[in-house]
Amino acid sequence: MARYELIYLPSMTRDLRGIPRKEVRRILRKTEALRENPHPVGSLKLSGRDRYRIRQGDCRILYSVNDKFVVVTIVKIAHRRDAHR
């Protein structure tokens, strides 16, 4: 399987500001794992969009996958109550 390139949108740094540092480390570890497997166990495809989400504690990581160019784009990281807005 090909190793995917990760692209973080600039807005992601704003998303991480309110999250405790310990949780941020877990989130970044989880996003790095998407390089090897962009569709891990527990990932769900969002209806009506070409995006997926995975959980990390109370946070949700929203991302899109482009298999043609072997790229995973991290779109948003948010608390579960705000993630799909």
PDB file of N, CA and C in Angstrom:
ATOM      1  N   MET A   1       0.838  -1.171   0.000  1.00  0.00           N
ATOM      2  CA  MET A   1       0.000   0.000   0.000  1.00  0.00           C
ATOM      3  C   MET A   1       0.892   1.247   0.000  1.00  0.00           C
ATOM      4  N   ALA A   2       0.486   2.242  -0.742  1.00  0.00           N
ATOM      5  CA  ALA A   2       1.254   3.472  -0.849  1.00  0.00           C
ATOM      6  C   ALA A   2       1.151   4.291   0.426  1.00  0.00           C
ATOM      7  N   ARG A   3       2.196   5.023   0.699  1.00  0.00           N
ATOM      8  CA  ARG A   3       2.203   5.935   1.851  1.00  0.00           C
ATOM      9  C   ARG A   3       1.622   7.270   1.397  1.00  0.00           C
ATOM     10  N   TYR A   4       0.565   7.694   2.054  1.00  0.00           N
ATOM     11  CA  TYR A   4      -0.147   8.914   1.671  1.00  0.00           C
ATOM     12  C   TYR A   4       0.571  10.151   2.202  1.00  0.00           C
ATOM     13  N   GLU A   5       0.463  11.234   1.460  1.00  0.00           N
ATOM     14  CA  GLU A   5       0.972  12.523   1.912  1.00  0.00           C
ATOM     15  C   GLU A   5      -0.117  13.197   2.738  1.00  0.00           C
ATOM     16  N   LEU A   6       0.265  13.827   3.842  1.00  0.00           N
ATOM     17  CA  LEU A   6      -0.693  14.535   4.690  1.00  0.00           C
ATOM     18  C   LEU A   6      -0.619  16.024   4.395  1.00  0.00           C
ATOM     19  N   ILE A   7      -1.772  16.637   4.228  1.00  0.00           N
ATOM     20  CA  ILE A   7      -1.863  18.084   4.062  1.00  0.00           C
ATOM     21  C   ILE A   7      -2.770  18.602   5.158  1.00  0.00           C
ATOM     22  N   TYR A   8      -2.259  19.550   5.921  1.00  0.00           N
ATOM     23  CA  TYR A   8      -3.044  20.185   6.974  1.00  0.00           C
ATOM     24  C   TYR A   8      -3.488  21.552   6.472  1.00  0.00           C
ATOM     25  N   LEU A   9      -4.781  21.819   6.532  1.00  0.00           N
ATOM     26  CA  LEU A   9      -5.262  23.153   6.168  1.00  0.00           C
ATOM     27  C   LEU A   9      -4.799  24.151   7.227  1.00  0.00           C
ATOM     28  N   PRO A  10      -4.523  25.405   6.837  1.00  0.00           N
ATOM     29  CA  PRO A  10      -4.053  26.403   7.804  1.00  0.00           C
ATOM     30  C   PRO A  10      -5.007  26.630   8.968  1.00  0.00           C
ATOM     31  N   SER A  11      -6.285  26.420   8.759  1.00  0.00           N
ATOM     32  CA  SER A  11      -7.263  26.626   9.829  1.00  0.00           C
ATOM     33  C   SER A  11      -7.120  25.593  10.946  1.00  0.00           C
ATOM     34  N   MET A  12      -6.397  24.511  10.687  1.00  0.00           N
ATOM     35  CA  MET A  12      -6.253  23.472  11.690  1.00  0.00           C
ATOM     36  C   MET A  12      -5.509  23.977  12.928  1.00  0.00           C
ATOM     37  N   THR A  13      -4.561  24.893  12.769  1.00  0.00           N
ATOM     38  CA  THR A  13      -3.837  25.405  13.926  1.00  0.00           C
ATOM     39  C   THR A  13      -4.784  26.171  14.852  1.00  0.00           C
ATOM     40  N   ARG A  14      -5.747  26.865  14.280  1.00  0.00           N
ATOM     41  CA  ARG A  14      -6.766  27.541  15.095  1.00  0.00           C
ATOM     42  C   ARG A  14      -7.635  26.507  15.811  1.00  0.00           C
ATOM     43  N   ASP A  15      -7.923  25.417  15.131  1.00  0.00           N
ATOM     44  CA  ASP A  15      -8.758  24.369  15.726  1.00  0.00           C
ATOM     45  C   ASP A  15      -8.104  23.769  16.970  1.00  0.00           C
ATOM     46  N   LEU A  16      -6.780  23.694  16.990  1.00  0.00           N
ATOM     47  CA  LEU A  16      -6.069  23.034  18.084  1.00  0.00           C
ATOM     48  C   LEU A  16      -5.852  23.929  19.295  1.00  0.00           C
ATOM     49  N   ARG A  17      -6.093  25.225  19.175  1.00  0.00           N
ATOM     50  CA  ARG A  17      -5.796  26.168  20.266  1.00  0.00           C
ATOM     51  C   ARG A  17      -6.535  25.866  21.555  1.00  0.00           C
ATOM     52  N   GLY A  18      -7.777  25.513  21.509  1.00  0.00           N
ATOM     53  CA  GLY A  18      -8.557  25.301  22.729  1.00  0.00           C
ATOM     54  C   GLY A  18      -8.479  23.900  23.299  1.00  0.00           C
ATOM     55  N   ILE A  19      -7.686  23.044  22.673  1.00  0.00           N
ATOM     56  CA  ILE A  19      -7.610  21.643  23.090  1.00  0.00           C
ATOM     57  C   ILE A  19      -6.373  21.453  23.972  1.00  0.00           C
ATOM     58  N   PRO A  20      -6.487  20.718  25.093  1.00  0.00           N
ATOM     59  CA  PRO A  20      -5.326  20.483  25.970  1.00  0.00           C
ATOM     60  C   PRO A  20      -4.169  19.819  25.211  1.00  0.00           C
ATOM     61  N   ARG A  21      -2.955  20.171  25.619  1.00  0.00           N
ATOM     62  CA  ARG A  21      -1.741  19.711  24.929  1.00  0.00           C
ATOM     63  C   ARG A  21      -1.643  18.183  24.850  1.00  0.00           C
ATOM     64  N   LYS A  22      -2.017  17.521  25.911  1.00  0.00           N
ATOM     65  CA  LYS A  22      -1.957  16.052  25.929  1.00  0.00           C
ATOM     66  C   LYS A  22      -2.868  15.459  24.849  1.00  0.00           C
ATOM     67  N   GLU A  23      -4.046  16.041  24.704  1.00  0.00           N
ATOM     68  CA  GLU A  23      -4.992  15.575  23.696  1.00  0.00           C
ATOM     69  C   GLU A  23      -4.499  15.919  22.283  1.00  0.00           C
ATOM     70  N   VAL A  24      -3.837  17.059  22.140  1.00  0.00           N
ATOM     71  CA  VAL A  24      -3.295  17.450  20.832  1.00  0.00           C
ATOM     72  C   VAL A  24      -2.261  16.432  20.364  1.00  0.00           C
ATOM     73  N   ARG A  25      -1.423  15.957  21.277  1.00  0.00           N
ATOM     74  CA  ARG A  25      -0.426  14.938  20.903  1.00  0.00           C
ATOM     75  C   ARG A  25      -1.104  13.672  20.400  1.00  0.00           C
ATOM     76  N   ARG A  26      -2.190  13.279  21.059  1.00  0.00           N
ATOM     77  CA  ARG A  26      -2.928  12.087  20.614  1.00  0.00           C
ATOM     78  C   ARG A  26      -3.561  12.304  19.239  1.00  0.00           C
ATOM     79  N   ILE A  27      -4.088  13.495  19.035  1.00  0.00           N
ATOM     80  CA  ILE A  27      -4.712  13.820  17.752  1.00  0.00           C
ATOM     81  C   ILE A  27      -3.678  13.777  16.636  1.00  0.00           C
ATOM     82  N   LEU A  28      -2.516  14.375  16.873  1.00  0.00           N
ATOM     83  CA  LEU A  28      -1.472  14.384  15.838  1.00  0.00           C
ATOM     84  C   LEU A  28      -0.955  12.974  15.548  1.00  0.00           C
ATOM     85  N   ARG A  29      -0.879  12.147  16.579  1.00  0.00           N
ATOM     86  CA  ARG A  29      -0.474  10.750  16.373  1.00  0.00           C
ATOM     87  C   ARG A  29      -1.497  10.025  15.508  1.00  0.00           C
ATOM     88  N   LYS A  30      -2.768  10.315  15.765  1.00  0.00           N
ATOM     89  CA  LYS A  30      -3.852   9.682  14.999  1.00  0.00           C
ATOM     90  C   LYS A  30      -3.831  10.150  13.543  1.00  0.00           C
ATOM     91  N   THR A  31      -3.576  11.443  13.321  1.00  0.00           N
ATOM     92  CA  THR A  31      -3.519  11.941  11.942  1.00  0.00           C
ATOM     93  C   THR A  31      -2.312  11.376  11.206  1.00  0.00           C
ATOM     94  N   GLU A  32      -1.193  11.216  11.888  1.00  0.00           N
ATOM     95  CA  GLU A  32      -0.005  10.628  11.250  1.00  0.00           C
ATOM     96  C   GLU A  32      -0.267   9.177  10.833  1.00  0.00           C
ATOM     97  N   ALA A  33      -1.097   8.472  11.582  1.00  0.00           N
ATOM     98  CA  ALA A  33      -1.429   7.085  11.235  1.00  0.00           C
ATOM     99  C   ALA A  33      -2.225   7.016   9.934  1.00  0.00           C
ATOM    100  N   LEU A  34      -2.866   8.126   9.540  1.00  0.00           N
ATOM    101  CA  LEU A  34      -3.624   8.144   8.285  1.00  0.00           C
ATOM    102  C   LEU A  34      -2.711   8.034   7.071  1.00  0.00           C
ATOM    103  N   ARG A  35      -1.421   8.301   7.243  1.00  0.00           N
ATOM    104  CA  ARG A  35      -0.462   8.137   6.133  1.00  0.00           C
ATOM    105  C   ARG A  35      -0.439   6.681   5.650  1.00  0.00           C
ATOM    106  N   GLU A  36      -0.485   5.771   6.597  1.00  0.00           N
ATOM    107  CA  GLU A  36      -0.405   4.348   6.269  1.00  0.00           C
ATOM    108  C   GLU A  36      -1.756   3.771   5.870  1.00  0.00           C
ATOM    109  N   ASN A  37      -2.808   4.204   6.555  1.00  0.00           N
ATOM    110  CA  ASN A  37      -4.134   3.660   6.303  1.00  0.00           C
ATOM    111  C   ASN A  37      -5.166   4.778   6.416  1.00  0.00           C
ATOM    112  N   PRO A  38      -5.598   5.370   5.309  1.00  0.00           N
ATOM    113  CA  PRO A  38      -6.542   6.477   5.378  1.00  0.00           C
ATOM    114  C   PRO A  38      -7.977   6.066   5.725  1.00  0.00           C
ATOM    115  N   HIS A  39      -8.231   4.785   5.802  1.00  0.00           N
ATOM    116  CA  HIS A  39      -9.560   4.292   6.167  1.00  0.00           C
ATOM    117  C   HIS A  39      -9.432   3.304   7.329  1.00  0.00           C
ATOM    118  N   PRO A  40      -8.999   3.783   8.510  1.00  0.00           N
ATOM    119  CA  PRO A  40      -8.819   2.860   9.634  1.00  0.00           C
ATOM    120  C   PRO A  40     -10.155   2.384  10.187  1.00  0.00           C
ATOM    121  N   VAL A  41     -10.078   1.379  11.023  1.00  0.00           N
ATOM    122  CA  VAL A  41     -11.273   0.886  11.703  1.00  0.00           C
ATOM    123  C   VAL A  41     -11.840   2.039  12.528  1.00  0.00           C
ATOM    124  N   GLY A  42     -13.118   2.264  12.413  1.00  0.00           N
ATOM    125  CA  GLY A  42     -13.760   3.342  13.147  1.00  0.00           C
ATOM    126  C   GLY A  42     -13.954   4.618  12.345  1.00  0.00           C
ATOM    127  N   SER A  43     -13.399   4.677  11.143  1.00  0.00           N
ATOM    128  CA  SER A  43     -13.619   5.879  10.330  1.00  0.00           C
ATOM    129  C   SER A  43     -14.981   5.762   9.652  1.00  0.00           C
ATOM    130  N   LEU A  44     -15.667   6.888   9.560  1.00  0.00           N
ATOM    131  CA  LEU A  44     -16.983   6.914   8.938  1.00  0.00           C
ATOM    132  C   LEU A  44     -17.001   7.922   7.811  1.00  0.00           C
ATOM    133  N   LYS A  45     -17.652   7.552   6.704  1.00  0.00           N
ATOM    134  CA  LYS A  45     -17.833   8.492   5.608  1.00  0.00           C
ATOM    135  C   LYS A  45     -19.017   9.374   5.956  1.00  0.00           C
ATOM    136  N   LEU A  46     -18.823  10.684   5.817  1.00  0.00           N
ATOM    137  CA  LEU A  46     -19.901  11.623   6.111  1.00  0.00           C
ATOM    138  C   LEU A  46     -20.883  11.643   4.955  1.00  0.00           C
ATOM    139  N   SER A  47     -22.152  11.650   5.256  1.00  0.00           N
ATOM    140  CA  SER A  47     -23.165  11.642   4.204  1.00  0.00           C
ATOM    141  C   SER A  47     -23.219  12.995   3.515  1.00  0.00           C
ATOM    142  N   GLY A  48     -23.370  12.969   2.226  1.00  0.00           N
ATOM    143  CA  GLY A  48     -23.491  14.192   1.443  1.00  0.00           C
ATOM    144  C   GLY A  48     -22.175  14.871   1.142  1.00  0.00           C
ATOM    145  N   ARG A  49     -21.079  14.355   1.625  1.00  0.00           N
ATOM    146  CA  ARG A  49     -19.765  14.960   1.397  1.00  0.00           C
ATOM    147  C   ARG A  49     -18.756  13.865   1.073  1.00  0.00           C
ATOM    148  N   ASP A  50     -17.666  14.281   0.505  1.00  0.00           N
ATOM    149  CA  ASP A  50     -16.590  13.338   0.225  1.00  0.00           C
ATOM    150  C   ASP A  50     -15.532  13.441   1.321  1.00  0.00           C
ATOM    151  N   ARG A  51     -15.997  13.319   2.563  1.00  0.00           N
ATOM    152  CA  ARG A  51     -15.120  13.422   3.721  1.00  0.00           C
ATOM    153  C   ARG A  51     -15.367  12.258   4.659  1.00  0.00           C
ATOM    154  N   TYR A  52     -14.381  12.060   5.527  1.00  0.00           N
ATOM    155  CA  TYR A  52     -14.448  11.016   6.535  1.00  0.00           C
ATOM    156  C   TYR A  52     -14.199  11.647   7.893  1.00  0.00           C
ATOM    157  N   ARG A  53     -14.517  10.895   8.950  1.00  0.00           N
ATOM    158  CA  ARG A  53     -14.208  11.362  10.285  1.00  0.00           C
ATOM    159  C   ARG A  53     -13.732  10.202  11.130  1.00  0.00           C
ATOM    160  N   ILE A  54     -12.814  10.521  12.029  1.00  0.00           N
ATOM    161  CA  ILE A  54     -12.368   9.566  13.031  1.00  0.00           C
ATOM    162  C   ILE A  54     -12.446  10.259  14.384  1.00  0.00           C
ATOM    163  N   ARG A  55     -12.554   9.467  15.421  1.00  0.00           N
ATOM    164  CA  ARG A  55     -12.667   9.976  16.778  1.00  0.00           C
ATOM    165  C   ARG A  55     -11.326   9.920  17.476  1.00  0.00           C
ATOM    166  N   GLN A  56     -11.100  10.904  18.329  1.00  0.00           N
ATOM    167  CA  GLN A  56      -9.997  10.867  19.284  1.00  0.00           C
ATOM    168  C   GLN A  56     -10.519  11.524  20.554  1.00  0.00           C
ATOM    169  N   GLY A  57     -10.947  10.714  21.488  1.00  0.00           N
ATOM    170  CA  GLY A  57     -11.545  11.242  22.707  1.00  0.00           C
ATOM    171  C   GLY A  57     -12.836  11.970  22.372  1.00  0.00           C
ATOM    172  N   ASP A  58     -12.962  13.209  22.837  1.00  0.00           N
ATOM    173  CA  ASP A  58     -14.142  14.016  22.544  1.00  0.00           C
ATOM    174  C   ASP A  58     -13.994  14.805  21.254  1.00  0.00           C
ATOM    175  N   CYS A  59     -12.869  14.674  20.592  1.00  0.00           N
ATOM    176  CA  CYS A  59     -12.621  15.430  19.353  1.00  0.00           C
ATOM    177  C   CYS A  59     -12.908  14.568  18.131  1.00  0.00           C
ATOM    178  N   ARG A  60     -13.203  15.254  17.048  1.00  0.00           N
ATOM    179  CA  ARG A  60     -13.416  14.592  15.766  1.00  0.00           C
ATOM    180  C   ARG A  60     -12.423  15.176  14.773  1.00  0.00           C
ATOM    181  N   ILE A  61     -11.837  14.307  13.979  1.00  0.00           N
ATOM    182  CA  ILE A  61     -10.893  14.708  12.940  1.00  0.00           C
ATOM    183  C   ILE A  61     -11.591  14.479  11.613  1.00  0.00           C
ATOM    184  N   LEU A  62     -11.846  15.546  10.888  1.00  0.00           N
ATOM    185  CA  LEU A  62     -12.496  15.457   9.579  1.00  0.00           C
ATOM    186  C   LEU A  62     -11.433  15.561   8.510  1.00  0.00           C
ATOM    187  N   TYR A  63     -11.489  14.653   7.528  1.00  0.00           N
ATOM    188  CA  TYR A  63     -10.467  14.643   6.488  1.00  0.00           C
ATOM    189  C   TYR A  63     -11.041  14.125   5.180  1.00  0.00           C
ATOM    190  N   SER A  64     -10.340  14.430   4.105  1.00  0.00           N
ATOM    191  CA  SER A  64     -10.729  13.909   2.798  1.00  0.00           C
ATOM    192  C   SER A  64      -9.554  13.116   2.241  1.00  0.00           C
ATOM    193  N   VAL A  65      -9.868  12.162   1.389  1.00  0.00           N
ATOM    194  CA  VAL A  65      -8.860  11.279   0.805  1.00  0.00           C
ATOM    195  C   VAL A  65      -8.928  11.389  -0.709  1.00  0.00           C
ATOM    196  N   ASN A  66      -7.781  11.594  -1.329  1.00  0.00           N
ATOM    197  CA  ASN A  66      -7.682  11.593  -2.778  1.00  0.00           C
ATOM    198  C   ASN A  66      -6.757  10.434  -3.159  1.00  0.00           C
ATOM    199  N   ASP A  67      -7.350   9.302  -3.527  1.00  0.00           N
ATOM    200  CA  ASP A  67      -6.575   8.112  -3.841  1.00  0.00           C
ATOM    201  C   ASP A  67      -5.779   8.268  -5.131  1.00  0.00           C
ATOM    202  N   LYS A  68      -6.257   9.081  -6.035  1.00  0.00           N
ATOM    203  CA  LYS A  68      -5.561   9.281  -7.310  1.00  0.00           C
ATOM    204  C   LYS A  68      -4.190   9.922  -7.093  1.00  0.00           C
ATOM    205  N   PHE A  69      -4.134  10.927  -6.201  1.00  0.00           N
ATOM    206  CA  PHE A  69      -2.878  11.629  -5.945  1.00  0.00           C
ATOM    207  C   PHE A  69      -2.215  11.190  -4.646  1.00  0.00           C
ATOM    208  N   VAL A  70      -2.774  10.204  -3.980  1.00  0.00           N
ATOM    209  CA  VAL A  70      -2.258   9.630  -2.735  1.00  0.00           C
ATOM    210  C   VAL A  70      -2.070  10.732  -1.686  1.00  0.00           C
ATOM    211  N   VAL A  71      -3.161  11.464  -1.418  1.00  0.00           N
ATOM    212  CA  VAL A  71      -3.130  12.597  -0.491  1.00  0.00           C
ATOM    213  C   VAL A  71      -4.294  12.487   0.493  1.00  0.00           C
ATOM    214  N   VAL A  72      -3.998  12.766   1.758  1.00  0.00           N
ATOM    215  CA  VAL A  72      -5.019  12.893   2.796  1.00  0.00           C
ATOM    216  C   VAL A  72      -4.968  14.342   3.273  1.00  0.00           C
ATOM    217  N   THR A  73      -6.093  15.036   3.220  1.00  0.00           N
ATOM    218  CA  THR A  73      -6.168  16.427   3.647  1.00  0.00           C
ATOM    219  C   THR A  73      -6.967  16.511   4.941  1.00  0.00           C
ATOM    220  N   ILE A  74      -6.312  16.991   5.992  1.00  0.00           N
ATOM    221  CA  ILE A  74      -6.989  17.182   7.270  1.00  0.00           C
ATOM    222  C   ILE A  74      -7.752  18.493   7.174  1.00  0.00           C
ATOM    223  N   VAL A  75      -9.069  18.423   7.242  1.00  0.00           N
ATOM    224  CA  VAL A  75      -9.921  19.582   7.012  1.00  0.00           C
ATOM    225  C   VAL A  75     -10.227  20.320   8.306  1.00  0.00           C
ATOM    226  N   LYS A  76     -10.584  19.572   9.361  1.00  0.00           N
ATOM    227  CA  LYS A  76     -11.019  20.225  10.590  1.00  0.00           C
ATOM    228  C   LYS A  76     -10.818  19.297  11.775  1.00  0.00           C
ATOM    229  N   ILE A  77     -10.497  19.898  12.905  1.00  0.00           N
ATOM    230  CA  ILE A  77     -10.430  19.173  14.169  1.00  0.00           C
ATOM    231  C   ILE A  77     -11.269  19.974  15.152  1.00  0.00           C
ATOM    232  N   ALA A  78     -12.261  19.326  15.757  1.00  0.00           N
ATOM    233  CA  ALA A  78     -13.171  20.052  16.632  1.00  0.00           C
ATOM    234  C   ALA A  78     -13.757  19.116  17.687  1.00  0.00           C
ATOM    235  N   HIS A  79     -14.294  19.724  18.723  1.00  0.00           N
ATOM    236  CA  HIS A  79     -15.027  18.977  19.726  1.00  0.00           C
ATOM    237  C   HIS A  79     -16.237  18.350  19.038  1.00  0.00           C
ATOM    238  N   ARG A  80     -16.686  17.240  19.526  1.00  0.00           N
ATOM    239  CA  ARG A  80     -17.755  16.503  18.849  1.00  0.00           C
ATOM    240  C   ARG A  80     -19.027  17.303  18.650  1.00  0.00           C
ATOM    241  N   ARG A  81     -19.333  18.241  19.538  1.00  0.00           N
ATOM    242  CA  ARG A  81     -20.559  19.025  19.395  1.00  0.00           C
ATOM    243  C   ARG A  81     -20.447  20.065  18.275  1.00  0.00           C
ATOM    244  N   ASP A  82     -19.214  20.438  17.904  1.00  0.00           N
ATOM    245  CA  ASP A  82     -18.998  21.466  16.880  1.00  0.00           C
ATOM    246  C   ASP A  82     -18.451  20.923  15.555  1.00  0.00           C
ATOM    247  N   ALA A  83     -18.151  19.664  15.497  1.00  0.00           N
ATOM    248  CA  ALA A  83     -17.389  19.108  14.366  1.00  0.00           C
ATOM    249  C   ALA A  83     -18.113  19.202  13.026  1.00  0.00           C
ATOM    250  N   HIS A  84     -19.391  18.992  12.993  1.00  0.00           N
ATOM    251  CA  HIS A  84     -20.086  18.892  11.702  1.00  0.00           C
ATOM    252  C   HIS A  84     -20.792  20.178  11.306  1.00  0.00           C
ATOM    253  N   ARG A  85     -20.482  21.263  11.942  1.00  0.00           N
ATOM    254  CA  ARG A  85     -21.098  22.549  11.617  1.00  0.00           C
ATOM    255  C   ARG A  85     -20.352  23.229  10.502  1.00  0.00           C
TER     256      ARG A  85
END
